């Protein structure tokens, strides 16, 4: 779960300030402005992890709805609801709900809401290749960690220049692991239920409630 959220966060965290390509910065600025203009965002995505040396191939799908710091994330059979103060992780298989505190302003906290944090230090970026993928021209921006000890070799962020939406992210690790997150649907400014980001304990009376301090 943590590895997935790291990649999901990277998908929307365009990092770095120095030694950056002017055209890449202009494109990232446009994407940032477009995303921040929405009241809410709904994403469906596919997440693939591949490591040929270790013969690892994993694929999963999920979805997330975000509005400000609040979100509902469904991934790996678990639903995570964050109401702005408290995080509820609902696991139907184990019939368990874990309640914990999550501070979206905490730099060490990994949350989908950080998908909208576009200018954190740590990477340099430059324009990469433009590819035609399923009839769409996708412009890639290459992100390279400033930290020479980073486990990440580089990240390729695919952007649709027409919509200014992120299409995919390809993260290549120093150990050869490649993770790819592809957005299959991107909807904005939906009419959302006022209760969407609220946890209704009455629905989980038979569940074990695990409250963490």
C-alpha atoms as a PDB file:
ATOM      1  CA  UNK A   1       0.000   0.000   0.000  1.00  0.00           C
ATOM      2  CA  UNK A   2       2.771   2.443   0.922  1.00  0.00           C
ATOM      3  CA  UNK A   3       4.717   1.685  -2.277  1.00  0.00           C
ATOM      4  CA  UNK A   4       1.597   2.263  -4.337  1.00  0.00           C
ATOM      5  CA  UNK A   5       0.796   5.575  -2.630  1.00  0.00           C
ATOM      6  CA  UNK A   6       4.357   6.752  -3.179  1.00  0.00           C
ATOM      7  CA  UNK A   7       3.956   6.178  -6.905  1.00  0.00           C
ATOM      8  CA  UNK A   8       0.507   7.720  -6.908  1.00  0.00           C
ATOM      9  CA  UNK A   9       1.905  10.778  -5.167  1.00  0.00           C
ATOM     10  CA  UNK A  10       4.770  10.992  -7.661  1.00  0.00           C
ATOM     11  CA  UNK A  11       2.244  10.920 -10.467  1.00  0.00           C
ATOM     12  CA  UNK A  12       1.154  14.407  -9.531  1.00  0.00           C
ATOM     13  CA  UNK A  13       4.194  15.756  -7.687  1.00  0.00           C
ATOM     14  CA  UNK A  14       6.327  17.635 -10.191  1.00  0.00           C
ATOM     15  CA  UNK A  15       9.548  18.263  -8.360  1.00  0.00           C
ATOM     16  CA  UNK A  16      12.634  20.471  -8.521  1.00  0.00           C
ATOM     17  CA  UNK A  17      13.674  24.055  -9.149  1.00  0.00           C
ATOM     18  CA  UNK A  18      17.240  24.203 -10.448  1.00  0.00           C
ATOM     19  CA  UNK A  19      18.820  23.077 -13.735  1.00  0.00           C
ATOM     20  CA  UNK A  20      15.398  22.618 -15.284  1.00  0.00           C
ATOM     21  CA  UNK A  21      14.338  22.794 -18.912  1.00  0.00           C
ATOM     22  CA  UNK A  22      12.271  25.952 -19.553  1.00  0.00           C
ATOM     23  CA  UNK A  23       9.814  24.152 -21.847  1.00  0.00           C
ATOM     24  CA  UNK A  24       9.349  21.363 -19.297  1.00  0.00           C
ATOM     25  CA  UNK A  25       8.727  23.899 -16.534  1.00  0.00           C
ATOM     26  CA  UNK A  26       6.159  25.725 -18.669  1.00  0.00           C
ATOM     27  CA  UNK A  27       4.287  22.488 -19.347  1.00  0.00           C
ATOM     28  CA  UNK A  28       4.338  21.465 -15.687  1.00  0.00           C
ATOM     29  CA  UNK A  29       3.084  24.928 -14.699  1.00  0.00           C
ATOM     30  CA  UNK A  30       0.148  24.525 -17.093  1.00  0.00           C
ATOM     31  CA  UNK A  31      -0.701  21.098 -15.674  1.00  0.00           C
ATOM     32  CA  UNK A  32      -0.479  22.467 -12.129  1.00  0.00           C
ATOM     33  CA  UNK A  33      -2.810  25.371 -12.878  1.00  0.00           C
ATOM     34  CA  UNK A  34      -5.302  23.086 -14.614  1.00  0.00           C
ATOM     35  CA  UNK A  35      -5.461  20.591 -11.756  1.00  0.00           C
ATOM     36  CA  UNK A  36      -5.748  23.263  -9.062  1.00  0.00           C
ATOM     37  CA  UNK A  37      -8.727  24.796 -10.859  1.00  0.00           C
ATOM     38  CA  UNK A  38     -10.922  21.745 -10.175  1.00  0.00           C
ATOM     39  CA  UNK A  39     -13.218  21.424  -7.148  1.00  0.00           C
ATOM     40  CA  UNK A  40     -12.725  17.652  -7.178  1.00  0.00           C
ATOM     41  CA  UNK A  41     -11.030  14.963  -9.245  1.00  0.00           C
ATOM     42  CA  UNK A  42     -12.034  11.341  -9.842  1.00  0.00           C
ATOM     43  CA  UNK A  43      -9.452   8.912 -11.230  1.00  0.00           C
ATOM     44  CA  UNK A  44      -9.524   5.291 -12.334  1.00  0.00           C
ATOM     45  CA  UNK A  45      -6.051   3.835 -12.796  1.00  0.00           C
ATOM     46  CA  UNK A  46      -3.976   0.749 -13.523  1.00  0.00           C
ATOM     47  CA  UNK A  47      -0.820   0.085 -11.504  1.00  0.00           C
ATOM     48  CA  UNK A  48       1.837  -2.341 -12.813  1.00  0.00           C
ATOM     49  CA  UNK A  49       5.061  -3.438 -11.101  1.00  0.00           C
ATOM     50  CA  UNK A  50       7.697  -5.300 -13.141  1.00  0.00           C
ATOM     51  CA  UNK A  51      11.135  -6.639 -12.256  1.00  0.00           C
ATOM     52  CA  UNK A  52      12.573  -9.013 -14.861  1.00  0.00           C
ATOM     53  CA  UNK A  53      15.555 -10.057 -12.716  1.00  0.00           C
ATOM     54  CA  UNK A  54      13.299 -11.142  -9.842  1.00  0.00           C
ATOM     55  CA  UNK A  55      10.582 -12.453 -12.197  1.00  0.00           C
ATOM     56  CA  UNK A  56       7.997 -10.186 -10.563  1.00  0.00           C
ATOM     57  CA  UNK A  57       4.938  -9.021 -12.448  1.00  0.00           C
ATOM     58  CA  UNK A  58       2.061  -7.501 -10.503  1.00  0.00           C
ATOM     59  CA  UNK A  59      -0.935  -5.597 -11.795  1.00  0.00           C
ATOM     60  CA  UNK A  60      -3.846  -4.010  -9.981  1.00  0.00           C
ATOM     61  CA  UNK A  61      -6.547  -1.432 -10.598  1.00  0.00           C
ATOM     62  CA  UNK A  62      -8.051   1.169  -8.345  1.00  0.00           C
ATOM     63  CA  UNK A  63      -9.831   4.481  -8.111  1.00  0.00           C
ATOM     64  CA  UNK A  64      -9.656   7.636  -6.049  1.00  0.00           C
ATOM     65  CA  UNK A  65     -11.864  10.683  -5.516  1.00  0.00           C
ATOM     66  CA  UNK A  66     -10.220  13.815  -4.108  1.00  0.00           C
ATOM     67  CA  UNK A  67     -11.532  17.170  -2.947  1.00  0.00           C
ATOM     68  CA  UNK A  68      -8.995  19.350  -1.192  1.00  0.00           C
ATOM     69  CA  UNK A  69      -7.323  17.234   1.489  1.00  0.00           C
ATOM     70  CA  UNK A  70     -10.247  14.801   1.627  1.00  0.00           C
ATOM     71  CA  UNK A  71     -10.236  11.579  -0.373  1.00  0.00           C
ATOM     72  CA  UNK A  72     -11.674   8.107  -0.864  1.00  0.00           C
ATOM     73  CA  UNK A  73      -9.180   5.588  -2.248  1.00  0.00           C
ATOM     74  CA  UNK A  74      -9.991   2.011  -3.303  1.00  0.00           C
ATOM     75  CA  UNK A  75      -6.978  -0.224  -3.919  1.00  0.00           C
ATOM     76  CA  UNK A  76      -6.084  -3.874  -3.234  1.00  0.00           C
ATOM     77  CA  UNK A  77      -9.509  -4.566  -1.735  1.00  0.00           C
ATOM     78  CA  UNK A  78      -9.136  -1.853   0.918  1.00  0.00           C
ATOM     79  CA  UNK A  79     -11.063   1.441   1.102  1.00  0.00           C
ATOM     80  CA  UNK A  80      -9.332   4.413   2.699  1.00  0.00           C
ATOM     81  CA  UNK A  81     -11.481   7.406   3.695  1.00  0.00           C
ATOM     82  CA  UNK A  82      -9.854  10.619   4.875  1.00  0.00           C
ATOM     83  CA  UNK A  83     -12.258  13.308   6.113  1.00  0.00           C
ATOM     84  CA  UNK A  84      -9.596  15.977   6.539  1.00  0.00           C
ATOM     85  CA  UNK A  85      -8.644  14.927  10.077  1.00  0.00           C
ATOM     86  CA  UNK A  86      -9.058  11.172  10.494  1.00  0.00           C
ATOM     87  CA  UNK A  87      -8.141   8.256   8.240  1.00  0.00           C
ATOM     88  CA  UNK A  88     -10.405   5.191   8.108  1.00  0.00           C
ATOM     89  CA  UNK A  89      -8.989   2.063   6.460  1.00  0.00           C
ATOM     90  CA  UNK A  90     -11.757  -0.467   5.771  1.00  0.00           C
ATOM     91  CA  UNK A  91     -10.781  -4.062   5.045  1.00  0.00           C
ATOM     92  CA  UNK A  92     -13.855  -6.192   4.183  1.00  0.00           C
ATOM     93  CA  UNK A  93     -11.818  -9.410   3.909  1.00  0.00           C
ATOM     94  CA  UNK A  94     -10.672  -9.149   7.540  1.00  0.00           C
ATOM     95  CA  UNK A  95     -13.836  -7.301   8.637  1.00  0.00           C
ATOM     96  CA  UNK A  96     -11.656  -4.680  10.267  1.00  0.00           C
ATOM     97  CA  UNK A  97     -11.596  -0.881  10.342  1.00  0.00           C
ATOM     98  CA  UNK A  98      -8.386   0.870  11.366  1.00  0.00           C
ATOM     99  CA  UNK A  99      -8.788   4.465  12.569  1.00  0.00           C
ATOM    100  CA  UNK A 100      -5.734   6.700  12.655  1.00  0.00           C
ATOM    101  CA  UNK A 101      -4.724  10.335  12.509  1.00  0.00           C
ATOM    102  CA  UNK A 102      -3.202  11.705   9.330  1.00  0.00           C
ATOM    103  CA  UNK A 103      -1.767  15.175   8.909  1.00  0.00           C
ATOM    104  CA  UNK A 104      -1.804  16.198   5.221  1.00  0.00           C
ATOM    105  CA  UNK A 105       0.710  18.958   6.006  1.00  0.00           C
ATOM    106  CA  UNK A 106       3.214  16.434   7.379  1.00  0.00           C
ATOM    107  CA  UNK A 107       6.026  15.985   4.849  1.00  0.00           C
ATOM    108  CA  UNK A 108       6.328  12.343   5.865  1.00  0.00           C
ATOM    109  CA  UNK A 109       2.670  11.595   5.347  1.00  0.00           C
ATOM    110  CA  UNK A 110       1.845   9.864   2.067  1.00  0.00           C
ATOM    111  CA  UNK A 111      -1.641  10.798   0.913  1.00  0.00           C
ATOM    112  CA  UNK A 112      -3.498  11.082  -2.410  1.00  0.00           C
ATOM    113  CA  UNK A 113      -4.157  14.725  -1.575  1.00  0.00           C
ATOM    114  CA  UNK A 114      -0.436  15.295  -2.117  1.00  0.00           C
ATOM    115  CA  UNK A 115      -1.051  14.387  -5.733  1.00  0.00           C
ATOM    116  CA  UNK A 116      -1.837  18.087  -6.075  1.00  0.00           C
ATOM    117  CA  UNK A 117       1.460  19.250  -4.541  1.00  0.00           C
ATOM    118  CA  UNK A 118       3.368  20.241  -7.607  1.00  0.00           C
ATOM    119  CA  UNK A 119       6.557  21.957  -6.501  1.00  0.00           C
ATOM    120  CA  UNK A 120       8.474  20.051  -3.858  1.00  0.00           C
ATOM    121  CA  UNK A 121      12.251  20.044  -4.009  1.00  0.00           C
ATOM    122  CA  UNK A 122      14.192  16.918  -4.857  1.00  0.00           C
ATOM    123  CA  UNK A 123      14.159  16.429  -8.640  1.00  0.00           C
ATOM    124  CA  UNK A 124      15.365  18.168 -11.755  1.00  0.00           C
ATOM    125  CA  UNK A 125      13.332  17.814 -14.936  1.00  0.00           C
ATOM    126  CA  UNK A 126      13.663  18.151 -18.678  1.00  0.00           C
ATOM    127  CA  UNK A 127      11.551  17.462 -21.746  1.00  0.00           C
ATOM    128  CA  UNK A 128      11.619  13.863 -22.919  1.00  0.00           C
ATOM    129  CA  UNK A 129      10.204  12.119 -25.979  1.00  0.00           C
ATOM    130  CA  UNK A 130       6.779  12.629 -27.483  1.00  0.00           C
ATOM    131  CA  UNK A 131       4.953   9.359 -28.223  1.00  0.00           C
ATOM    132  CA  UNK A 132       1.688   8.484 -29.913  1.00  0.00           C
ATOM    133  CA  UNK A 133      -0.132   6.160 -27.508  1.00  0.00           C
ATOM    134  CA  UNK A 134      -3.484   4.811 -28.619  1.00  0.00           C
ATOM    135  CA  UNK A 135      -4.014   7.794 -30.889  1.00  0.00           C
ATOM    136  CA  UNK A 136      -2.983  10.364 -28.285  1.00  0.00           C
ATOM    137  CA  UNK A 137       0.205  12.431 -28.460  1.00  0.00           C
ATOM    138  CA  UNK A 138       1.828  12.110 -25.047  1.00  0.00           C
ATOM    139  CA  UNK A 139       4.704  14.380 -24.057  1.00  0.00           C
ATOM    140  CA  UNK A 140       7.066  12.899 -21.482  1.00  0.00           C
ATOM    141  CA  UNK A 141       8.981  14.890 -18.886  1.00  0.00           C
ATOM    142  CA  UNK A 142      11.984  13.177 -17.300  1.00  0.00           C
ATOM    143  CA  UNK A 143      12.462  13.682 -13.548  1.00  0.00           C
ATOM    144  CA  UNK A 144      15.863  12.846 -12.074  1.00  0.00           C
ATOM    145  CA  UNK A 145      16.538  12.732  -8.299  1.00  0.00           C
ATOM    146  CA  UNK A 146      19.036  15.262  -6.978  1.00  0.00           C
ATOM    147  CA  UNK A 147      19.962  12.778  -4.243  1.00  0.00           C
ATOM    148  CA  UNK A 148      22.635  10.461  -5.638  1.00  0.00           C
ATOM    149  CA  UNK A 149      21.625   7.849  -3.048  1.00  0.00           C
ATOM    150  CA  UNK A 150      18.001   7.757  -4.146  1.00  0.00           C
ATOM    151  CA  UNK A 151      16.465   4.338  -4.857  1.00  0.00           C
ATOM    152  CA  UNK A 152      14.830   5.942  -7.904  1.00  0.00           C
ATOM    153  CA  UNK A 153      16.905   6.164 -11.088  1.00  0.00           C
ATOM    154  CA  UNK A 154      14.443   8.396 -12.920  1.00  0.00           C
ATOM    155  CA  UNK A 155      10.744   9.028 -13.475  1.00  0.00           C
ATOM    156  CA  UNK A 156       8.999   9.590 -16.800  1.00  0.00           C
ATOM    157  CA  UNK A 157       5.825  11.624 -16.487  1.00  0.00           C
ATOM    158  CA  UNK A 158       3.495  11.389 -19.501  1.00  0.00           C
ATOM    159  CA  UNK A 159       1.309  14.453 -20.139  1.00  0.00           C
ATOM    160  CA  UNK A 160      -1.417  15.014 -22.715  1.00  0.00           C
ATOM    161  CA  UNK A 161      -0.539  18.508 -24.064  1.00  0.00           C
ATOM    162  CA  UNK A 162      -4.103  19.015 -25.309  1.00  0.00           C
ATOM    163  CA  UNK A 163      -5.901  18.453 -22.007  1.00  0.00           C
ATOM    164  CA  UNK A 164      -2.954  19.263 -19.709  1.00  0.00           C
ATOM    165  CA  UNK A 165      -3.810  16.087 -17.798  1.00  0.00           C
ATOM    166  CA  UNK A 166      -1.346  13.447 -16.637  1.00  0.00           C
ATOM    167  CA  UNK A 167      -1.660  10.232 -18.651  1.00  0.00           C
ATOM    168  CA  UNK A 168       0.885   8.006 -16.947  1.00  0.00           C
ATOM    169  CA  UNK A 169       3.972   7.748 -14.802  1.00  0.00           C
ATOM    170  CA  UNK A 170       6.866   5.332 -15.278  1.00  0.00           C
ATOM    171  CA  UNK A 171       9.216   5.012 -12.305  1.00  0.00           C
ATOM    172  CA  UNK A 172      12.520   3.189 -12.866  1.00  0.00           C
ATOM    173  CA  UNK A 173      14.383   2.035  -9.757  1.00  0.00           C
ATOM    174  CA  UNK A 174      18.109   1.569  -9.300  1.00  0.00           C
ATOM    175  CA  UNK A 175      17.410  -2.147  -8.784  1.00  0.00           C
ATOM    176  CA  UNK A 176      15.714  -2.475 -12.182  1.00  0.00           C
ATOM    177  CA  UNK A 177      12.160  -2.416 -10.857  1.00  0.00           C
ATOM    178  CA  UNK A 178       9.771  -0.486 -13.095  1.00  0.00           C
ATOM    179  CA  UNK A 179       6.391   0.669 -11.849  1.00  0.00           C
ATOM    180  CA  UNK A 180       3.849   2.167 -14.210  1.00  0.00           C
ATOM    181  CA  UNK A 181       0.714   4.012 -13.192  1.00  0.00           C
ATOM    182  CA  UNK A 182      -1.709   4.738 -16.044  1.00  0.00           C
ATOM    183  CA  UNK A 183      -4.796   6.913 -15.646  1.00  0.00           C
ATOM    184  CA  UNK A 184      -7.683   5.202 -17.449  1.00  0.00           C
ATOM    185  CA  UNK A 185     -10.306   7.850 -16.677  1.00  0.00           C
ATOM    186  CA  UNK A 186     -10.058  11.423 -15.415  1.00  0.00           C
ATOM    187  CA  UNK A 187     -13.225  13.237 -14.380  1.00  0.00           C
ATOM    188  CA  UNK A 188     -13.584  16.575 -12.638  1.00  0.00           C
ATOM    189  CA  UNK A 189     -16.106  18.711 -10.799  1.00  0.00           C
ATOM    190  CA  UNK A 190     -18.527  15.852 -10.198  1.00  0.00           C
ATOM    191  CA  UNK A 191     -21.610  16.201  -8.005  1.00  0.00           C
ATOM    192  CA  UNK A 192     -20.503  14.444  -4.837  1.00  0.00           C
ATOM    193  CA  UNK A 193     -22.553  13.298  -1.880  1.00  0.00           C
ATOM    194  CA  UNK A 194     -21.914  15.348   1.260  1.00  0.00           C
ATOM    195  CA  UNK A 195     -21.410  12.046   3.088  1.00  0.00           C
ATOM    196  CA  UNK A 196     -18.813  10.704   0.650  1.00  0.00           C
ATOM    197  CA  UNK A 197     -15.829  11.579   2.845  1.00  0.00           C
ATOM    198  CA  UNK A 198     -17.544  10.616   6.109  1.00  0.00           C
ATOM    199  CA  UNK A 199     -17.218   7.292   7.904  1.00  0.00           C
ATOM    200  CA  UNK A 200     -20.568   5.736   8.907  1.00  0.00           C
ATOM    201  CA  UNK A 201     -19.837   3.402  11.811  1.00  0.00           C
ATOM    202  CA  UNK A 202     -23.369   1.930  11.617  1.00  0.00           C
ATOM    203  CA  UNK A 203     -22.401   0.192   8.368  1.00  0.00           C
ATOM    204  CA  UNK A 204     -19.628  -1.738  10.125  1.00  0.00           C
ATOM    205  CA  UNK A 205     -21.169  -2.911  13.395  1.00  0.00           C
ATOM    206  CA  UNK A 206     -19.833  -6.439  12.863  1.00  0.00           C
ATOM    207  CA  UNK A 207     -16.298  -5.205  12.110  1.00  0.00           C
ATOM    208  CA  UNK A 208     -13.430  -5.046  14.560  1.00  0.00           C
ATOM    209  CA  UNK A 209     -12.597  -1.365  15.127  1.00  0.00           C
ATOM    210  CA  UNK A 210      -8.885  -0.800  15.660  1.00  0.00           C
ATOM    211  CA  UNK A 211      -8.148   2.741  16.871  1.00  0.00           C
ATOM    212  CA  UNK A 212      -4.516   3.834  16.718  1.00  0.00           C
ATOM    213  CA  UNK A 213      -3.180   6.667  18.859  1.00  0.00           C
END
